[in-house]
C-alpha atoms as a PDB file:
ATOM      1  CA  UNK A   1       0.000   0.000   0.000  1.00  0.00           C
ATOM      2  CA  UNK A   2       1.350   3.421  -0.923  1.00  0.00           C
ATOM      3  CA  UNK A   3       1.652   6.217   1.621  1.00  0.00           C
ATOM      4  CA  UNK A   4       1.442   9.876   0.620  1.00  0.00           C
ATOM      5  CA  UNK A   5       3.704  12.099   2.677  1.00  0.00           C
ATOM      6  CA  UNK A   6       4.477  15.718   1.892  1.00  0.00           C
ATOM      7  CA  UNK A   7       3.370  15.240  -1.686  1.00  0.00           C
ATOM      8  CA  UNK A   8       5.655  12.219  -2.180  1.00  0.00           C
ATOM      9  CA  UNK A   9       4.328   8.713  -2.654  1.00  0.00           C
ATOM     10  CA  UNK A  10       6.266   6.050  -0.784  1.00  0.00           C
ATOM     11  CA  UNK A  11       5.307   2.668  -2.181  1.00  0.00           C
ATOM     12  CA  UNK A  12       6.029  -0.995  -1.690  1.00  0.00           C
ATOM     13  CA  UNK A  13       7.988  -2.457   1.197  1.00  0.00           C
ATOM     14  CA  UNK A  14       9.817   0.830   1.847  1.00  0.00           C
ATOM     15  CA  UNK A  15       6.614   2.245   3.320  1.00  0.00           C
ATOM     16  CA  UNK A  16       6.061  -0.617   5.772  1.00  0.00           C
ATOM     17  CA  UNK A  17       9.432  -2.198   6.525  1.00  0.00           C
ATOM     18  CA  UNK A  18      10.942  -1.205   9.877  1.00  0.00           C
ATOM     19  CA  UNK A  19      13.580   1.506   9.754  1.00  0.00           C
ATOM     20  CA  UNK A  20      16.968   0.442  11.122  1.00  0.00           C
ATOM     21  CA  UNK A  21      19.529   2.216  13.288  1.00  0.00           C
ATOM     22  CA  UNK A  22      22.585   1.021  15.216  1.00  0.00           C
ATOM     23  CA  UNK A  23      21.832   2.257  18.731  1.00  0.00           C
ATOM     24  CA  UNK A  24      18.776   3.658  20.469  1.00  0.00           C
ATOM     25  CA  UNK A  25      16.142   5.410  18.389  1.00  0.00           C
ATOM     26  CA  UNK A  26      15.704   8.886  19.890  1.00  0.00           C
ATOM     27  CA  UNK A  27      13.467  11.944  19.476  1.00  0.00           C
ATOM     28  CA  UNK A  28      13.399  13.268  15.902  1.00  0.00           C
ATOM     29  CA  UNK A  29      15.210  10.283  14.325  1.00  0.00           C
ATOM     30  CA  UNK A  30      13.805   9.610  10.820  1.00  0.00           C
ATOM     31  CA  UNK A  31      11.406  12.599  11.201  1.00  0.00           C
ATOM     32  CA  UNK A  32      11.223  13.511   7.506  1.00  0.00           C
ATOM     33  CA  UNK A  33       8.262  11.794   5.850  1.00  0.00           C
ATOM     34  CA  UNK A  34       7.444   9.737   8.948  1.00  0.00           C
ATOM     35  CA  UNK A  35       3.911   8.629   9.863  1.00  0.00           C
ATOM     36  CA  UNK A  36       2.515   7.612  13.251  1.00  0.00           C
ATOM     37  CA  UNK A  37       2.706   3.849  13.700  1.00  0.00           C
ATOM     38  CA  UNK A  38       5.926   3.404  11.698  1.00  0.00           C
ATOM     39  CA  UNK A  39       8.427   1.125  13.407  1.00  0.00           C
ATOM     40  CA  UNK A  40      12.187   1.254  13.812  1.00  0.00           C
ATOM     41  CA  UNK A  41      14.666  -1.332  15.059  1.00  0.00           C
ATOM     42  CA  UNK A  42      17.744  -0.687  17.200  1.00  0.00           C
ATOM     43  CA  UNK A  43      20.032  -3.220  15.507  1.00  0.00           C
ATOM     44  CA  UNK A  44      22.637  -3.002  18.287  1.00  0.00           C
ATOM     45  CA  UNK A  45      20.345  -3.784  21.220  1.00  0.00           C
ATOM     46  CA  UNK A  46      17.517  -5.615  19.450  1.00  0.00           C
ATOM     47  CA  UNK A  47      14.760  -3.218  20.528  1.00  0.00           C
ATOM     48  CA  UNK A  48      11.675  -2.274  18.543  1.00  0.00           C
ATOM     49  CA  UNK A  49      10.293   1.276  18.598  1.00  0.00           C
ATOM     50  CA  UNK A  50       7.043   2.759  17.309  1.00  0.00           C
ATOM     51  CA  UNK A  51       6.441   6.353  16.261  1.00  0.00           C
ATOM     52  CA  UNK A  52       3.750   7.831  18.528  1.00  0.00           C
ATOM     53  CA  UNK A  53       3.814  11.461  17.338  1.00  0.00           C
ATOM     54  CA  UNK A  54       5.192  13.366  14.340  1.00  0.00           C
ATOM     55  CA  UNK A  55       4.596  16.439  12.234  1.00  0.00           C
ATOM     56  CA  UNK A  56       5.966  14.525   9.225  1.00  0.00           C
ATOM     57  CA  UNK A  57       8.895  16.848   8.607  1.00  0.00           C
ATOM     58  CA  UNK A  58      11.063  17.759  11.610  1.00  0.00           C
ATOM     59  CA  UNK A  59       9.754  16.090  14.762  1.00  0.00           C
ATOM     60  CA  UNK A  60       9.145  12.511  15.839  1.00  0.00           C
ATOM     61  CA  UNK A  61       8.514  10.799  19.169  1.00  0.00           C
ATOM     62  CA  UNK A  62       9.535   7.152  19.578  1.00  0.00           C
ATOM     63  CA  UNK A  63       8.424   4.644  22.242  1.00  0.00           C
ATOM     64  CA  UNK A  64       9.926   1.219  22.949  1.00  0.00           C
ATOM     65  CA  UNK A  65       7.390  -1.494  22.140  1.00  0.00           C
ATOM     66  CA  UNK A  66       6.570  -3.770  25.077  1.00  0.00           C
ATOM     67  CA  UNK A  67       8.759  -4.501  28.076  1.00  0.00           C
ATOM     68  CA  UNK A  68      12.037  -5.071  26.269  1.00  0.00           C
ATOM     69  CA  UNK A  69      15.098  -5.056  28.485  1.00  0.00           C
END
């Protein structure tokens, strides 16, 4: 399913596959073109994050999913 963000269409697996980052995902990471509900993986520590707030251009709030330690 395609996602329209800022006038750009993001299609295919790029729109739904988790983003990846070595290390903790922090405020404003991946903010450009982000939608609420998008996920990201900390590939160093094996933690999954979900975007809980964004303006789609410059800000993003991430929350760890579940009780990962």
